[in-house]
């Protein structure tokens, strides 16, 4: 689901609300009744709620909070020029969420609206028109540039994925070709030697049968050695390399990544199971979290190695599917486990017994 959450401007959307405090400046030089102050504070709270809601909504429906914020500005403007603050946030939303033609149309309409309100209520330029127009123009341009940057990044990522898919296909073809070259000749030799040994055995030429069986043994061992040497080039990059690759993949999709702890050295079977688990969890984060931050941590907790992955997405429930069930089955085979919980996003904790740790050769 595409939202208006931009990694640069809205990674932490509440931080940018500090600029909205200009809304309260007119209170210091204008006398308001208690009822009016209550209304102004309530309107600001409503604006904050609408703005934060817009940052996580599907772009298809973001027009709703935009329209509500504009309506709120129209209601507040007769009472306070501080409503000019609201237009800056409207500017970013329309710049980031809409195409160039729609963005320019909405921006022009908003500027005309601001000028109309300014002349109708006869505010001084520095207190309404200047902050409103300068804010909506500059911040909307920022949002527009962010939209273009993210679109270019998405196009680059798609191109990279296509290249990776082609590379995988080419690698599979190379593996098939290499194995065919290695095994084709040797299996033919084995079949020929076995056939000769069978004929000599029927002729009761035992001494010659032994020679052919010895040749069979030699050919088989040489073939096994060649296959091992070939396949060793296809093994994964190891846990550290795979974790770095997964972090890079998250960052390419707009996530900031916090990697904590020391990546352990595990046995081959535990490393393989953990790589598959982290790959599946990364895929789930990219598909379902709608967040923009992910933390991956490694720590030794007593007799267990604990690997945690947590994102800050909007998750209401976690329903185990084939992916999570597959992770659990692989970990259970190692006396490990995986647990999931919702805590400011989705959190997955993988545990492996400490005896799966290995020491690197010095």
Protein backbone atom coordinates (compact mmCIF):
# COMPACT_ATOMS: atom_id res chain seq x y z
CA UNK A 1 0.00 0.00 0.00
CA UNK A 2 1.55 3.31 -1.10
CA UNK A 3 1.24 6.07 1.51
CA UNK A 4 2.35 9.69 1.86
CA UNK A 5 5.12 8.72 4.27
CA UNK A 6 8.34 10.01 2.74
CA UNK A 7 11.60 8.71 4.26
CA UNK A 8 13.19 12.20 4.16
CA UNK A 9 10.33 14.46 5.30
CA UNK A 10 8.03 12.13 7.22
CA UNK A 11 10.22 9.39 8.64
CA UNK A 12 9.12 10.74 12.02
CA UNK A 13 6.10 12.88 11.08
CA UNK A 14 5.44 14.22 14.56
CA UNK A 15 8.83 15.99 14.65
CA UNK A 16 7.78 18.38 11.87
CA UNK A 17 4.82 19.58 13.92
CA UNK A 18 7.21 21.93 15.76
CA UNK A 19 6.79 24.38 12.87
CA UNK A 20 3.03 24.41 13.41
CA UNK A 21 3.49 26.21 16.75
CA UNK A 22 3.34 29.48 14.82
CA UNK A 23 -0.40 28.84 14.98
CA UNK A 24 -0.36 30.06 18.59
CA UNK A 25 1.59 33.30 17.97
CA UNK A 26 -1.55 35.48 17.43
CA UNK A 27 -2.73 34.52 20.92
CA UNK A 28 0.03 36.69 22.38
CA UNK A 29 -1.08 39.92 20.65
CA UNK A 30 -4.85 39.31 20.36
CA UNK A 31 -7.37 39.20 23.15
CA UNK A 32 -9.56 36.07 23.05
CA UNK A 33 -12.33 34.89 25.32
CA UNK A 34 -12.06 31.55 27.13
CA UNK A 35 -14.51 29.98 24.66
CA UNK A 36 -12.47 31.23 21.70
CA UNK A 37 -9.22 29.92 23.19
CA UNK A 38 -10.88 26.54 23.78
CA UNK A 39 -12.01 26.49 20.15
CA UNK A 40 -8.56 27.42 18.82
CA UNK A 41 -6.84 24.69 20.87
CA UNK A 42 -9.44 22.14 19.79
CA UNK A 43 -8.96 23.10 16.14
CA UNK A 44 -5.18 22.62 16.49
CA UNK A 45 -5.62 19.17 18.04
CA UNK A 46 -7.95 18.22 15.18
CA UNK A 47 -5.34 19.46 12.66
CA UNK A 48 -2.59 17.36 14.28
CA UNK A 49 -4.78 14.26 14.18
CA UNK A 50 -5.65 14.83 10.50
CA UNK A 51 -2.04 15.46 9.52
CA UNK A 52 -0.73 12.32 11.26
CA UNK A 53 -3.57 10.31 9.76
CA UNK A 54 -2.69 11.55 6.26
CA UNK A 55 0.92 10.35 6.59
CA UNK A 56 -0.16 6.70 6.95
CA UNK A 57 -3.16 6.62 4.62
CA UNK A 58 -3.30 5.10 1.18
CA UNK A 59 -2.62 7.89 -1.32
CA UNK A 60 -5.93 7.09 -2.98
CA UNK A 61 -7.80 8.40 0.08
CA UNK A 62 -5.44 11.14 1.29
CA UNK A 63 -7.72 13.79 -0.24
CA UNK A 64 -10.02 13.31 2.75
CA UNK A 65 -7.68 14.67 5.46
CA UNK A 66 -6.43 17.34 3.02
CA UNK A 67 -9.99 18.57 2.49
CA UNK A 68 -10.64 18.42 6.24
CA UNK A 69 -7.51 20.48 7.04
CA UNK A 70 -8.51 23.11 4.45
CA UNK A 71 -12.02 23.24 5.90
CA UNK A 72 -10.51 23.65 9.36
CA UNK A 73 -8.37 26.54 8.08
CA UNK A 74 -11.45 28.23 6.60
CA UNK A 75 -13.22 27.96 9.96
CA UNK A 76 -10.27 29.24 12.01
CA UNK A 77 -9.18 32.09 9.70
CA UNK A 78 -11.97 34.54 10.70
CA UNK A 79 -10.78 34.20 14.29
CA UNK A 80 -7.00 33.93 13.94
CA UNK A 81 -4.39 34.39 11.17
CA UNK A 82 -2.52 31.44 12.74
CA UNK A 83 -4.55 29.23 10.42
CA UNK A 84 -1.96 30.11 7.75
CA UNK A 85 0.19 27.38 9.34
CA UNK A 86 -2.18 24.66 8.15
CA UNK A 87 -1.53 25.46 4.48
CA UNK A 88 2.16 24.50 4.70
CA UNK A 89 1.24 20.94 5.68
CA UNK A 90 -1.42 20.81 2.98
CA UNK A 91 1.34 21.86 0.56
CA UNK A 92 3.56 18.89 1.34
CA UNK A 93 0.69 16.42 1.05
CA UNK A 94 -0.45 17.66 -2.37
CA UNK A 95 3.14 17.90 -3.64
CA UNK A 96 4.03 14.36 -2.56
CA UNK A 97 0.79 12.55 -3.29
CA UNK A 98 -0.36 13.85 -6.68
CA UNK A 99 0.85 14.01 -10.27
CA UNK A 100 2.44 17.19 -11.62
CA UNK A 101 -0.72 18.49 -13.32
CA UNK A 102 -2.94 17.80 -10.31
CA UNK A 103 -0.33 19.24 -7.94
CA UNK A 104 -0.04 22.50 -9.91
CA UNK A 105 -3.83 22.83 -10.12
CA UNK A 106 -4.27 22.28 -6.38
CA UNK A 107 -1.38 24.61 -5.53
CA UNK A 108 -2.78 27.40 -7.70
CA UNK A 109 -6.24 26.95 -6.21
CA UNK A 110 -4.84 27.03 -2.66
CA UNK A 111 -2.90 30.27 -3.36
CA UNK A 112 -6.03 31.92 -4.75
CA UNK A 113 -7.94 30.78 -1.66
CA UNK A 114 -5.26 32.26 0.63
CA UNK A 115 -5.35 35.59 -1.24
CA UNK A 116 -9.14 35.63 -1.08
CA UNK A 117 -9.13 35.00 2.67
CA UNK A 118 -6.41 37.59 3.17
CA UNK A 119 -8.28 40.39 1.42
CA UNK A 120 -11.67 39.40 2.82
CA UNK A 121 -10.53 39.46 6.45
CA UNK A 122 -8.03 42.30 5.83
CA UNK A 123 -5.12 40.75 7.72
CA UNK A 124 -1.71 42.36 7.51
CA UNK A 125 0.50 40.62 4.93
CA UNK A 126 3.22 39.43 7.37
CA UNK A 127 0.61 37.76 9.58
CA UNK A 128 -1.35 35.73 7.04
CA UNK A 129 -0.62 35.91 3.31
CA UNK A 130 3.19 35.85 3.59
CA UNK A 131 3.56 32.78 5.85
CA UNK A 132 0.70 30.94 4.16
CA UNK A 133 1.87 31.41 0.55
CA UNK A 134 5.60 31.05 1.23
CA UNK A 135 4.91 27.95 3.32
CA UNK A 136 2.62 26.18 0.87
CA UNK A 137 4.88 26.92 -2.13
CA UNK A 138 8.22 25.91 -0.57
CA UNK A 139 6.95 22.86 1.34
CA UNK A 140 4.88 21.63 -1.61
CA UNK A 141 7.98 21.83 -3.82
CA UNK A 142 9.80 19.76 -1.22
CA UNK A 143 7.05 17.17 -1.32
CA UNK A 144 7.05 17.19 -5.13
CA UNK A 145 10.83 16.63 -5.26
CA UNK A 146 10.48 13.81 -2.74
CA UNK A 147 7.83 12.15 -4.92
CA UNK A 148 10.10 12.33 -7.97
CA UNK A 149 13.06 11.00 -5.96
CA UNK A 150 11.06 8.06 -4.61
CA UNK A 151 9.68 7.27 -8.07
CA UNK A 152 13.22 7.21 -9.47
CA UNK A 153 14.35 4.97 -6.61
CA UNK A 154 11.44 2.59 -7.22
CA UNK A 155 12.27 2.45 -10.94
CA UNK A 156 15.93 1.77 -10.14
CA UNK A 157 14.92 -0.98 -7.70
CA UNK A 158 12.66 -2.60 -10.28
CA UNK A 159 15.48 -2.55 -12.83
CA UNK A 160 17.86 -4.06 -10.31
CA UNK A 161 15.39 -6.82 -9.46
CA UNK A 162 15.01 -7.64 -13.15
CA UNK A 163 18.80 -7.80 -13.50
CA UNK A 164 19.01 -10.05 -10.45
CA UNK A 165 16.36 -12.37 -11.88
CA UNK A 166 18.30 -12.60 -15.15
CA UNK A 167 21.47 -13.28 -13.17
CA UNK A 168 19.72 -16.10 -11.28
CA UNK A 169 18.54 -17.66 -14.55
CA UNK A 170 22.05 -17.40 -16.00
CA UNK A 171 23.53 -18.95 -12.85
CA UNK A 172 21.09 -21.85 -12.97
CA UNK A 173 21.99 -22.47 -16.60
CA UNK A 174 25.69 -22.39 -15.72
CA UNK A 175 25.18 -24.88 -12.89
CA UNK A 176 23.24 -27.20 -15.20
CA UNK A 177 25.92 -26.89 -17.89
CA UNK A 178 28.79 -27.50 -15.47
CA UNK A 179 27.13 -30.51 -13.87
CA UNK A 180 26.31 -31.92 -17.30
CA UNK A 181 29.92 -31.48 -18.40
CA UNK A 182 31.26 -33.08 -15.22
CA UNK A 183 28.80 -35.95 -14.84
CA UNK A 184 28.04 -36.68 -18.48
CA UNK A 185 31.47 -38.10 -19.28
CA UNK A 186 32.09 -39.76 -15.91
CA UNK A 187 28.68 -41.46 -15.76
CA UNK A 188 29.24 -42.79 -19.28
CA UNK A 189 32.64 -44.16 -18.17
CA UNK A 190 31.08 -45.75 -15.09
CA UNK A 191 28.34 -47.37 -17.17
CA UNK A 192 30.94 -48.74 -19.63
CA UNK A 193 33.21 -50.09 -16.86
CA UNK A 194 30.26 -51.69 -15.10
CA UNK A 195 29.10 -53.33 -18.32
CA UNK A 196 32.61 -54.74 -18.98
CA UNK A 197 32.88 -55.98 -15.41
CA UNK A 198 29.53 -57.75 -15.76
CA UNK A 199 30.64 -59.52 -18.98
CA UNK A 200 33.98 -60.57 -17.47
CA UNK A 201 32.19 -61.83 -14.38
CA UNK A 202 30.02 -64.07 -16.58
CA UNK A 203 33.21 -65.34 -18.23
CA UNK A 204 34.66 -65.94 -14.74
CA UNK A 205 37.69 -63.73 -15.43
CA UNK A 206 37.85 -62.56 -11.83
CA UNK A 207 41.29 -60.90 -12.06
CA UNK A 208 40.11 -58.58 -14.84
CA UNK A 209 36.84 -57.82 -12.99
CA UNK A 210 38.89 -56.53 -10.04
CA UNK A 211 40.76 -54.13 -12.32
CA UNK A 212 37.52 -52.66 -13.68
CA UNK A 213 36.00 -52.37 -10.20
CA UNK A 214 39.13 -50.52 -9.06
CA UNK A 215 38.73 -48.17 -12.03
CA UNK A 216 35.06 -47.66 -11.12
CA UNK A 217 36.04 -46.71 -7.57
CA UNK A 218 38.65 -44.24 -8.85
CA UNK A 219 36.27 -42.62 -11.36
CA UNK A 220 33.54 -42.28 -8.72
CA UNK A 221 35.88 -40.61 -6.22
CA UNK A 222 37.23 -38.22 -8.85
CA UNK A 223 33.68 -37.33 -9.93
CA UNK A 224 32.64 -36.70 -6.32
CA UNK A 225 35.63 -34.41 -5.83
CA UNK A 226 34.82 -32.43 -8.99
CA UNK A 227 31.16 -32.04 -7.99
CA UNK A 228 32.15 -30.79 -4.53
CA UNK A 229 34.60 -28.27 -5.99
CA UNK A 230 31.96 -27.01 -8.43
CA UNK A 231 29.09 -26.77 -5.96
CA UNK A 232 31.28 -25.02 -3.36
CA UNK A 233 31.20 -21.97 -5.63
CA UNK A 234 27.40 -21.80 -5.36
CA UNK A 235 27.11 -21.61 -1.59
CA UNK A 236 25.69 -18.45 0.02
CA UNK A 237 27.82 -15.58 1.28
CA UNK A 238 27.55 -16.61 4.91
CA UNK A 239 25.39 -15.09 7.65
CA UNK A 240 27.20 -11.74 7.81
CA UNK A 241 27.06 -11.24 4.06
CA UNK A 242 23.38 -12.20 3.88
CA UNK A 243 22.43 -9.89 6.78
CA UNK A 244 24.22 -6.95 5.13
CA UNK A 245 22.45 -7.78 1.86
CA UNK A 246 19.04 -7.86 3.59
CA UNK A 247 19.75 -4.52 5.32
CA UNK A 248 20.66 -3.02 1.96
CA UNK A 249 17.44 -4.36 0.46
CA UNK A 250 15.39 -2.73 3.25
CA UNK A 251 17.17 0.61 2.75
CA UNK A 252 16.52 0.49 -0.98
CA UNK A 253 12.81 0.21 -0.17
CA UNK A 254 12.78 3.33 2.02
CA UNK A 255 13.54 1.78 5.42
CA UNK A 256 16.13 3.02 7.87
CA UNK A 257 17.87 0.03 9.46
CA UNK A 258 19.41 -0.29 12.91
CA UNK A 259 21.73 -3.33 13.17
CA UNK A 260 22.70 -4.11 16.77
CA UNK A 261 24.96 -6.70 18.38
CA UNK A 262 27.64 -8.94 16.93
CA UNK A 263 26.63 -11.35 14.17
CA UNK A 264 27.51 -14.82 15.52
CA UNK A 265 29.36 -17.63 13.79
CA UNK A 266 26.98 -20.60 13.63
CA UNK A 267 27.12 -24.17 12.45
CA UNK A 268 26.34 -24.67 8.76
CA UNK A 269 22.82 -26.03 9.34
CA UNK A 270 21.92 -23.30 11.87
CA UNK A 271 23.33 -20.59 9.59
CA UNK A 272 21.29 -21.84 6.65
CA UNK A 273 18.08 -22.00 8.72
CA UNK A 274 18.66 -18.49 10.11
CA UNK A 275 19.39 -17.01 6.67
CA UNK A 276 16.15 -18.50 5.30
CA UNK A 277 14.22 -17.19 8.34
CA UNK A 278 15.61 -13.64 8.09
CA UNK A 279 14.98 -13.59 4.35
CA UNK A 280 11.33 -14.59 4.89
CA UNK A 281 10.86 -12.01 7.66
CA UNK A 282 12.41 -9.28 5.49
CA UNK A 283 9.98 -10.16 2.71
CA UNK A 284 7.09 -9.90 5.21
CA UNK A 285 8.29 -6.48 6.39
CA UNK A 286 8.47 -5.15 2.82
CA UNK A 287 5.05 -6.54 1.92
CA UNK A 288 2.96 -5.88 5.01
CA UNK A 289 4.46 -3.47 7.55
CA UNK A 290 3.83 -0.04 5.89
CA UNK A 291 6.60 1.23 8.19
CA UNK A 292 9.91 2.95 7.52
CA UNK A 293 12.25 1.66 10.21
CA UNK A 294 13.54 -1.81 11.05
CA UNK A 295 15.80 -2.99 13.86
CA UNK A 296 17.75 -6.27 13.70
CA UNK A 297 19.62 -7.37 16.81
CA UNK A 298 21.82 -10.31 17.81
CA UNK A 299 22.51 -11.23 21.43
CA UNK A 300 23.50 -14.18 23.62
CA UNK A 301 20.88 -14.80 26.31
CA UNK A 302 21.96 -17.60 28.63
CA UNK A 303 21.86 -20.86 26.71
CA UNK A 304 20.27 -19.29 23.63
CA UNK A 305 21.24 -17.04 20.76
CA UNK A 306 18.40 -14.54 20.24
CA UNK A 307 17.90 -12.79 16.92
CA UNK A 308 15.19 -10.10 16.86
CA UNK A 309 13.64 -8.20 13.96
CA UNK A 310 11.21 -5.36 14.65
CA UNK A 311 9.60 -2.77 12.38
CA UNK A 312 7.50 0.30 13.15
CA UNK A 313 4.65 -0.49 10.78
CA UNK A 314 0.90 -0.36 11.35
CA UNK A 315 0.09 -3.99 12.22
CA UNK A 316 -3.11 -5.03 13.99
CA UNK A 317 -2.63 -8.80 13.96
CA UNK A 318 -0.17 -11.47 12.82
CA UNK A 319 -1.59 -14.51 11.04
CA UNK A 320 0.96 -17.32 10.56
CA UNK A 321 1.16 -18.46 6.93
CA UNK A 322 3.28 -20.94 5.04
CA UNK A 323 6.35 -18.73 5.40
CA UNK A 324 6.23 -18.49 9.21
CA UNK A 325 5.25 -22.14 9.53
CA UNK A 326 8.23 -23.10 7.38
CA UNK A 327 10.53 -20.99 9.57
CA UNK A 328 9.21 -22.68 12.69
CA UNK A 329 9.66 -26.17 11.28
CA UNK A 330 13.28 -25.50 10.32
CA UNK A 331 14.07 -23.99 13.73
CA UNK A 332 12.34 -26.81 15.63
CA UNK A 333 14.66 -29.24 13.87
CA UNK A 334 17.52 -27.36 15.60
CA UNK A 335 15.74 -27.14 18.99
CA UNK A 336 15.09 -23.47 18.21
CA UNK A 337 11.90 -21.43 17.92
CA UNK A 338 10.36 -18.23 16.57
CA UNK A 339 7.82 -16.03 18.35
CA UNK A 340 5.85 -13.02 17.14
CA UNK A 341 4.23 -10.11 18.93
CA UNK A 342 2.82 -6.67 18.18
CA UNK A 343 4.78 -3.93 19.96
CA UNK A 344 4.90 -0.58 18.11
CA UNK A 345 4.87 -2.68 14.94
CA UNK A 346 5.65 -6.34 14.43
CA UNK A 347 8.43 -8.04 16.39
CA UNK A 348 9.85 -11.50 15.68
CA UNK A 349 12.27 -13.24 18.06
CA UNK A 350 14.27 -16.21 16.81
CA UNK A 351 16.03 -18.41 19.39
CA UNK A 352 18.73 -20.95 18.67
CA UNK A 353 20.56 -23.11 21.23
CA UNK A 354 24.01 -21.76 22.10
CA UNK A 355 25.65 -25.07 21.18
CA UNK A 356 25.06 -24.14 17.49
CA UNK A 357 27.72 -21.44 17.94
CA UNK A 358 31.12 -22.21 16.50
CA UNK A 359 34.49 -20.56 17.02
CA UNK A 360 36.33 -19.17 14.05
CA UNK A 361 39.73 -20.60 13.33
CA UNK A 362 42.50 -18.20 14.21
